[in-house]
Amino acid sequence: MKHLFMLALLTSVLAGTALSAEEFPSVGSVTLATFSANGSGCHVGSVAANISPDNRALTLLFDSYIVDSSESPNPVVQKNCVINMSLKAPPGRRYAFFSIDYRGFADLELGATARQSTEYSFGISGQKRIGAMELKGPVSARSKPRC
């Protein structure tokens, strides 16, 4: 049986306060101060992070986040990835996630189910946002769900 779910790309749009294009920080002035990714779904070095030149998008590329139960004796296979990062931005600027897109593909046989869930925690306050999606087989498609 083939039960495969792959998370290939996570794009997070960053937004400051309502600013015009001229008020956004200059090119390259927002950088990643720290970044780490670790877990059973993202081994060290398998996640790349990039900030767009206009400082409005953060893209995380997962090059090996694959959940495959086709060769497992256990029908439930789980993977996780913990991302820790901090941004360095010009003084007086604050950023937040505005929208999040997930892109990848799923190949599930009839009766198989894949569930992708995400929990975001921000700063010292620990504010959390949780998003999830569930796919039920049969499905064999590229996906672009939004949270």
Protein backbone atom coordinates (compact mmCIF):
# COMPACT_ATOMS: atom_id res chain seq x y z
CA MET A 1 0.00 0.00 0.00
CA LYS A 2 1.20 3.45 -0.77
CA HIS A 3 0.59 6.23 1.73
CA LEU A 4 2.81 9.20 1.01
CA PHE A 5 2.56 12.81 2.02
CA MET A 6 5.32 15.30 1.31
CA LEU A 7 5.60 18.87 2.49
CA ALA A 8 7.78 20.55 -0.05
CA LEU A 9 7.46 24.26 0.52
CA LEU A 10 6.21 26.59 3.20
CA THR A 11 5.86 30.25 2.36
CA SER A 12 5.10 32.74 5.07
CA VAL A 13 4.29 36.31 4.17
CA LEU A 14 5.65 38.88 6.58
CA ALA A 15 3.78 42.09 7.16
CA GLY A 16 4.64 45.13 9.18
CA THR A 17 2.11 47.72 10.12
CA ALA A 18 0.13 49.06 7.15
CA LEU A 19 2.97 50.65 5.24
CA SER A 20 3.35 51.89 1.71
CA ALA A 21 6.12 50.35 -0.41
CA GLU A 22 8.36 53.38 0.28
CA GLU A 23 8.04 52.89 4.05
CA PHE A 24 9.18 49.27 4.07
CA PRO A 25 12.75 48.72 5.28
CA SER A 26 15.38 48.93 2.57
CA VAL A 27 16.50 45.86 0.64
CA GLY A 28 18.53 43.48 2.78
CA SER A 29 17.83 45.30 6.04
CA VAL A 30 15.76 42.40 7.42
CA THR A 31 17.80 39.26 7.99
CA LEU A 32 17.62 36.01 9.90
CA ALA A 33 19.50 36.52 13.15
CA THR A 34 19.12 32.85 14.14
CA PHE A 35 17.70 29.80 12.39
CA SER A 36 17.56 26.14 13.26
CA ALA A 37 15.43 23.21 12.10
CA ASN A 38 15.38 19.83 13.78
CA GLY A 39 13.12 16.81 13.92
CA SER A 40 12.30 13.50 12.29
CA GLY A 41 10.96 15.31 9.20
CA CYS A 42 13.77 17.80 8.79
CA HIS A 43 17.23 16.55 9.50
CA VAL A 44 19.99 19.09 10.02
CA GLY A 45 20.71 20.93 6.77
CA SER A 46 17.49 19.86 5.01
CA VAL A 47 15.60 23.16 5.48
CA ALA A 48 16.59 26.40 3.79
CA ALA A 49 15.24 29.81 4.83
CA ASN A 50 15.22 32.91 2.64
CA ILE A 51 13.82 36.42 3.04
CA SER A 52 12.65 38.07 -0.16
CA PRO A 53 14.50 41.19 -1.29
CA ASP A 54 11.47 43.38 -0.53
CA ASN A 55 11.37 42.05 3.08
CA ARG A 56 7.76 40.88 2.69
CA ALA A 57 8.13 37.10 2.43
CA LEU A 58 9.95 34.40 4.31
CA THR A 59 10.25 31.10 2.45
CA LEU A 60 11.17 27.82 4.07
CA LEU A 61 12.10 24.99 1.70
CA PHE A 62 11.94 21.45 3.09
CA ASP A 63 13.93 19.25 0.73
CA SER A 64 13.32 15.92 2.46
CA TYR A 65 10.10 16.16 4.48
CA ILE A 66 8.47 12.91 3.40
CA VAL A 67 6.04 10.77 5.37
CA ASP A 68 5.81 7.30 3.82
CA SER A 69 4.04 4.39 5.48
CA SER A 70 4.29 1.99 2.52
CA GLU A 71 7.10 -0.02 4.13
CA SER A 72 6.12 0.43 7.77
CA PRO A 73 4.49 -2.34 9.81
CA ASN A 74 2.70 0.40 11.74
CA PRO A 75 -0.10 2.13 9.78
CA VAL A 76 0.51 5.40 11.68
CA VAL A 77 3.70 7.22 10.75
CA GLN A 78 4.45 10.66 12.15
CA LYS A 79 7.13 13.21 11.38
CA ASN A 80 7.83 16.56 12.94
CA CYS A 81 9.97 19.59 12.34
CA VAL A 82 10.71 22.28 14.92
CA ILE A 83 11.85 25.59 13.45
CA ASN A 84 13.40 28.21 15.72
CA MET A 85 14.31 31.57 14.26
CA SER A 86 14.58 35.23 15.01
CA LEU A 87 14.65 38.20 12.67
CA LYS A 88 16.97 41.15 12.78
CA ALA A 89 15.07 44.22 11.58
CA PRO A 90 15.58 47.98 11.72
CA PRO A 91 14.67 49.54 15.09
CA GLY A 92 10.98 50.24 15.56
CA ARG A 93 9.83 47.53 13.13
CA ARG A 94 7.76 44.51 14.11
CA TYR A 95 6.74 41.65 11.87
CA ALA A 96 4.04 39.01 11.97
CA PHE A 97 2.83 36.16 9.80
CA PHE A 98 0.11 37.49 7.52
CA SER A 99 -0.64 34.34 5.54
CA ILE A 100 0.88 30.91 5.18
CA ASP A 101 0.83 28.67 2.10
CA TYR A 102 1.77 25.00 2.10
CA ARG A 103 2.79 23.30 -1.12
CA GLY A 104 3.60 19.69 -1.69
CA PHE A 105 1.97 16.51 -2.89
CA ALA A 106 0.07 13.55 -1.55
CA ASP A 107 -0.38 10.01 -2.87
CA LEU A 108 -2.93 8.17 -0.74
CA GLU A 109 -4.79 4.97 -1.51
CA LEU A 110 -8.46 4.43 -0.73
CA GLY A 111 -8.94 4.38 3.04
CA ALA A 112 -5.66 6.13 3.83
CA THR A 113 -5.64 9.45 5.66
CA ALA A 114 -2.93 12.09 5.99
CA ARG A 115 -3.12 14.90 8.52
CA GLN A 116 -0.82 17.89 8.51
CA SER A 117 -0.95 20.17 11.53
CA THR A 118 1.09 23.19 12.45
CA GLU A 119 1.53 25.14 15.66
CA TYR A 120 3.15 28.57 15.65
CA SER A 121 4.41 30.26 18.77
CA PHE A 122 5.56 33.87 18.71
CA GLY A 123 8.10 35.61 20.87
CA ILE A 124 8.27 35.81 24.60
CA SER A 125 4.47 36.02 24.94
CA GLY A 126 4.12 32.54 23.49
CA GLN A 127 1.03 33.47 21.49
CA LYS A 128 0.00 30.41 19.48
CA ARG A 129 -1.78 29.82 16.22
CA ILE A 130 -2.73 26.31 15.17
CA GLY A 131 -3.65 25.18 11.68
CA ALA A 132 -4.43 21.76 10.26
CA MET A 133 -5.63 19.97 7.18
CA GLU A 134 -6.66 16.40 6.51
CA LEU A 135 -6.55 14.48 3.23
CA LYS A 136 -8.48 11.25 2.69
CA GLY A 137 -7.56 8.78 -0.02
CA PRO A 138 -7.80 8.10 -2.74
CA VAL A 139 -5.83 11.16 -3.73
CA SER A 140 -2.80 11.64 -5.91
CA ALA A 141 -2.22 15.30 -6.47
CA ARG A 142 -0.13 18.30 -5.84
CA SER A 143 -1.70 20.48 -3.21
CA LYS A 144 -1.67 24.13 -2.28
CA PRO A 145 -3.75 24.45 0.89
CA ARG A 146 -3.80 27.67 2.90
CA CYS A 147 -4.01 28.08 6.65
